[in-house]
């Protein structure tokens, strides 16, 4: 019985390759918003991301890939021309892993308040 178990176990281990394991995305820092964005005008989001593969960015359910600038290995700047008070920044990679972050301009804890 022990020999059969050892053979089955080795087959299971050998059948798992690195390619079958999805690489995930993690937001390391941010998002940070510039003052124009915080006041509801066209502005910038900065976000630091740990990832593998190509990335795709959505803001408020719309692709903003054409507005993304990679500043270094993990830091991205995203230009948003029509910010809304509450939206999600979603980041996807080439193996369909994703992460999203709620951007809420009305939340005092988010660090971006435009009330006077």
C-alpha atoms as a PDB file:
ATOM      1  CA  UNK A   1       0.000   0.000   0.000  1.00  0.00           C
ATOM      2  CA  UNK A   2       2.795   2.435   0.827  1.00  0.00           C
ATOM      3  CA  UNK A   3       4.476   1.934  -2.562  1.00  0.00           C
ATOM      4  CA  UNK A   4       1.264   2.726  -4.454  1.00  0.00           C
ATOM      5  CA  UNK A   5       0.799   5.895  -2.429  1.00  0.00           C
ATOM      6  CA  UNK A   6       4.378   7.022  -3.160  1.00  0.00           C
ATOM      7  CA  UNK A   7       3.903   6.478  -6.908  1.00  0.00           C
ATOM      8  CA  UNK A   8       0.623   8.429  -6.974  1.00  0.00           C
ATOM      9  CA  UNK A   9       2.157  11.282  -4.982  1.00  0.00           C
ATOM     10  CA  UNK A  10       5.112  11.635  -7.358  1.00  0.00           C
ATOM     11  CA  UNK A  11       2.782  11.696 -10.380  1.00  0.00           C
ATOM     12  CA  UNK A  12       0.747  14.512  -8.829  1.00  0.00           C
ATOM     13  CA  UNK A  13       3.863  16.561  -8.083  1.00  0.00           C
ATOM     14  CA  UNK A  14       5.292  16.108 -11.579  1.00  0.00           C
ATOM     15  CA  UNK A  15       2.024  17.103 -13.255  1.00  0.00           C
ATOM     16  CA  UNK A  16       2.101  20.594 -11.724  1.00  0.00           C
ATOM     17  CA  UNK A  17       4.219  22.974 -13.767  1.00  0.00           C
ATOM     18  CA  UNK A  18       5.070  26.641 -13.234  1.00  0.00           C
ATOM     19  CA  UNK A  19       2.998  27.578 -16.293  1.00  0.00           C
ATOM     20  CA  UNK A  20      -0.173  26.245 -14.676  1.00  0.00           C
ATOM     21  CA  UNK A  21       0.158  28.502 -11.630  1.00  0.00           C
ATOM     22  CA  UNK A  22      -1.445  31.920 -12.173  1.00  0.00           C
ATOM     23  CA  UNK A  23       0.733  34.916 -11.426  1.00  0.00           C
ATOM     24  CA  UNK A  24      -1.160  37.432  -9.363  1.00  0.00           C
ATOM     25  CA  UNK A  25      -1.108  41.194  -9.164  1.00  0.00           C
ATOM     26  CA  UNK A  26      -0.614  43.114  -5.952  1.00  0.00           C
ATOM     27  CA  UNK A  27      -0.913  46.844  -5.329  1.00  0.00           C
ATOM     28  CA  UNK A  28       2.223  47.711  -3.370  1.00  0.00           C
ATOM     29  CA  UNK A  29       1.478  51.404  -2.823  1.00  0.00           C
ATOM     30  CA  UNK A  30      -1.282  53.827  -3.736  1.00  0.00           C
ATOM     31  CA  UNK A  31      -3.251  54.746  -5.555  1.00  0.00           C
ATOM     32  CA  UNK A  32      -2.195  58.357  -5.071  1.00  0.00           C
ATOM     33  CA  UNK A  33      -4.187  61.155  -6.697  1.00  0.00           C
ATOM     34  CA  UNK A  34      -2.947  64.576  -7.759  1.00  0.00           C
ATOM     35  CA  UNK A  35      -4.761  67.745  -6.639  1.00  0.00           C
ATOM     36  CA  UNK A  36      -6.512  68.240 -10.002  1.00  0.00           C
ATOM     37  CA  UNK A  37      -7.989  64.749  -9.831  1.00  0.00           C
ATOM     38  CA  UNK A  38      -9.068  65.363  -6.228  1.00  0.00           C
ATOM     39  CA  UNK A  39     -10.976  68.466  -7.295  1.00  0.00           C
ATOM     40  CA  UNK A  40     -12.833  66.574 -10.034  1.00  0.00           C
ATOM     41  CA  UNK A  41     -10.730  67.819 -12.952  1.00  0.00           C
ATOM     42  CA  UNK A  42      -8.573  65.825 -15.358  1.00  0.00           C
ATOM     43  CA  UNK A  43      -5.677  64.465 -13.354  1.00  0.00           C
ATOM     44  CA  UNK A  44      -3.290  61.673 -12.484  1.00  0.00           C
ATOM     45  CA  UNK A  45      -3.335  58.468 -10.479  1.00  0.00           C
ATOM     46  CA  UNK A  46      -0.026  56.933  -9.378  1.00  0.00           C
ATOM     47  CA  UNK A  47       0.041  53.281  -8.368  1.00  0.00           C
ATOM     48  CA  UNK A  48       2.848  50.840  -7.611  1.00  0.00           C
ATOM     49  CA  UNK A  49       2.126  47.266  -8.661  1.00  0.00           C
ATOM     50  CA  UNK A  50       3.835  43.883  -8.312  1.00  0.00           C
ATOM     51  CA  UNK A  51       3.046  41.804 -11.401  1.00  0.00           C
ATOM     52  CA  UNK A  52       4.120  39.388 -14.121  1.00  0.00           C
ATOM     53  CA  UNK A  53       3.251  39.863 -17.781  1.00  0.00           C
ATOM     54  CA  UNK A  54       1.503  42.695 -19.556  1.00  0.00           C
ATOM     55  CA  UNK A  55      -0.995  44.843 -17.667  1.00  0.00           C
ATOM     56  CA  UNK A  56      -4.323  46.352 -18.638  1.00  0.00           C
ATOM     57  CA  UNK A  57      -5.983  49.196 -16.700  1.00  0.00           C
ATOM     58  CA  UNK A  58      -9.662  50.129 -16.297  1.00  0.00           C
ATOM     59  CA  UNK A  59     -11.133  53.129 -14.498  1.00  0.00           C
ATOM     60  CA  UNK A  60     -14.885  53.321 -13.887  1.00  0.00           C
ATOM     61  CA  UNK A  61     -15.378  50.245 -16.143  1.00  0.00           C
ATOM     62  CA  UNK A  62     -13.570  51.852 -19.096  1.00  0.00           C
ATOM     63  CA  UNK A  63     -10.163  50.959 -20.481  1.00  0.00           C
ATOM     64  CA  UNK A  64      -7.535  53.628 -19.843  1.00  0.00           C
ATOM     65  CA  UNK A  65      -4.632  51.675 -21.359  1.00  0.00           C
ATOM     66  CA  UNK A  66      -3.862  54.520 -23.787  1.00  0.00           C
ATOM     67  CA  UNK A  67      -3.414  56.887 -20.812  1.00  0.00           C
ATOM     68  CA  UNK A  68      -0.933  54.770 -18.833  1.00  0.00           C
ATOM     69  CA  UNK A  69       2.760  55.638 -18.519  1.00  0.00           C
ATOM     70  CA  UNK A  70       5.170  53.179 -16.927  1.00  0.00           C
ATOM     71  CA  UNK A  71       7.538  55.295 -14.808  1.00  0.00           C
ATOM     72  CA  UNK A  72       9.763  52.442 -13.619  1.00  0.00           C
ATOM     73  CA  UNK A  73       9.612  48.660 -13.091  1.00  0.00           C
ATOM     74  CA  UNK A  74       6.522  48.801 -10.884  1.00  0.00           C
ATOM     75  CA  UNK A  75       5.261  52.409 -10.851  1.00  0.00           C
ATOM     76  CA  UNK A  76       2.505  53.519 -13.218  1.00  0.00           C
ATOM     77  CA  UNK A  77       0.963  56.921 -13.904  1.00  0.00           C
ATOM     78  CA  UNK A  78      -2.593  56.957 -15.266  1.00  0.00           C
ATOM     79  CA  UNK A  79      -4.171  60.069 -16.755  1.00  0.00           C
ATOM     80  CA  UNK A  80      -7.925  60.275 -16.125  1.00  0.00           C
ATOM     81  CA  UNK A  81      -9.790  62.911 -18.117  1.00  0.00           C
ATOM     82  CA  UNK A  82     -13.200  62.521 -16.417  1.00  0.00           C
ATOM     83  CA  UNK A  83     -12.838  61.598 -12.732  1.00  0.00           C
ATOM     84  CA  UNK A  84     -15.976  60.623 -10.838  1.00  0.00           C
ATOM     85  CA  UNK A  85     -16.559  60.735  -7.070  1.00  0.00           C
ATOM     86  CA  UNK A  86     -16.620  56.949  -6.647  1.00  0.00           C
ATOM     87  CA  UNK A  87     -15.011  54.536  -9.110  1.00  0.00           C
ATOM     88  CA  UNK A  88     -12.810  51.453  -9.223  1.00  0.00           C
ATOM     89  CA  UNK A  89      -9.307  51.235 -10.621  1.00  0.00           C
ATOM     90  CA  UNK A  90      -8.954  47.705 -12.004  1.00  0.00           C
ATOM     91  CA  UNK A  91      -5.673  46.173 -13.126  1.00  0.00           C
ATOM     92  CA  UNK A  92      -5.494  42.927 -15.119  1.00  0.00           C
ATOM     93  CA  UNK A  93      -2.548  40.887 -16.334  1.00  0.00           C
ATOM     94  CA  UNK A  94      -2.156  38.589 -19.335  1.00  0.00           C
ATOM     95  CA  UNK A  95      -3.290  35.468 -17.416  1.00  0.00           C
ATOM     96  CA  UNK A  96      -6.537  37.098 -16.210  1.00  0.00           C
ATOM     97  CA  UNK A  97      -5.474  37.797 -12.649  1.00  0.00           C
ATOM     98  CA  UNK A  98      -6.762  41.130 -11.450  1.00  0.00           C
ATOM     99  CA  UNK A  99      -6.890  43.522  -8.548  1.00  0.00           C
ATOM    100  CA  UNK A 100      -9.194  46.459  -7.993  1.00  0.00           C
ATOM    101  CA  UNK A 101      -9.110  49.443  -5.687  1.00  0.00           C
ATOM    102  CA  UNK A 102     -12.039  51.691  -4.861  1.00  0.00           C
ATOM    103  CA  UNK A 103     -11.288  55.372  -5.363  1.00  0.00           C
ATOM    104  CA  UNK A 104     -13.731  57.416  -3.312  1.00  0.00           C
ATOM    105  CA  UNK A 105     -13.206  61.175  -3.428  1.00  0.00           C
ATOM    106  CA  UNK A 106     -15.904  61.649  -0.758  1.00  0.00           C
ATOM    107  CA  UNK A 107     -14.172  59.407   1.821  1.00  0.00           C
ATOM    108  CA  UNK A 108     -12.131  61.409   4.352  1.00  0.00           C
ATOM    109  CA  UNK A 109      -9.986  58.321   5.054  1.00  0.00           C
ATOM    110  CA  UNK A 110      -8.963  58.104   1.400  1.00  0.00           C
ATOM    111  CA  UNK A 111      -7.000  61.325   1.783  1.00  0.00           C
ATOM    112  CA  UNK A 112      -8.673  63.295  -0.956  1.00  0.00           C
ATOM    113  CA  UNK A 113     -11.354  65.736   0.197  1.00  0.00           C
ATOM    114  CA  UNK A 114     -12.484  68.694  -1.891  1.00  0.00           C
ATOM    115  CA  UNK A 115     -15.033  70.128   0.552  1.00  0.00           C
ATOM    116  CA  UNK A 116     -14.399  73.681   1.760  1.00  0.00           C
END
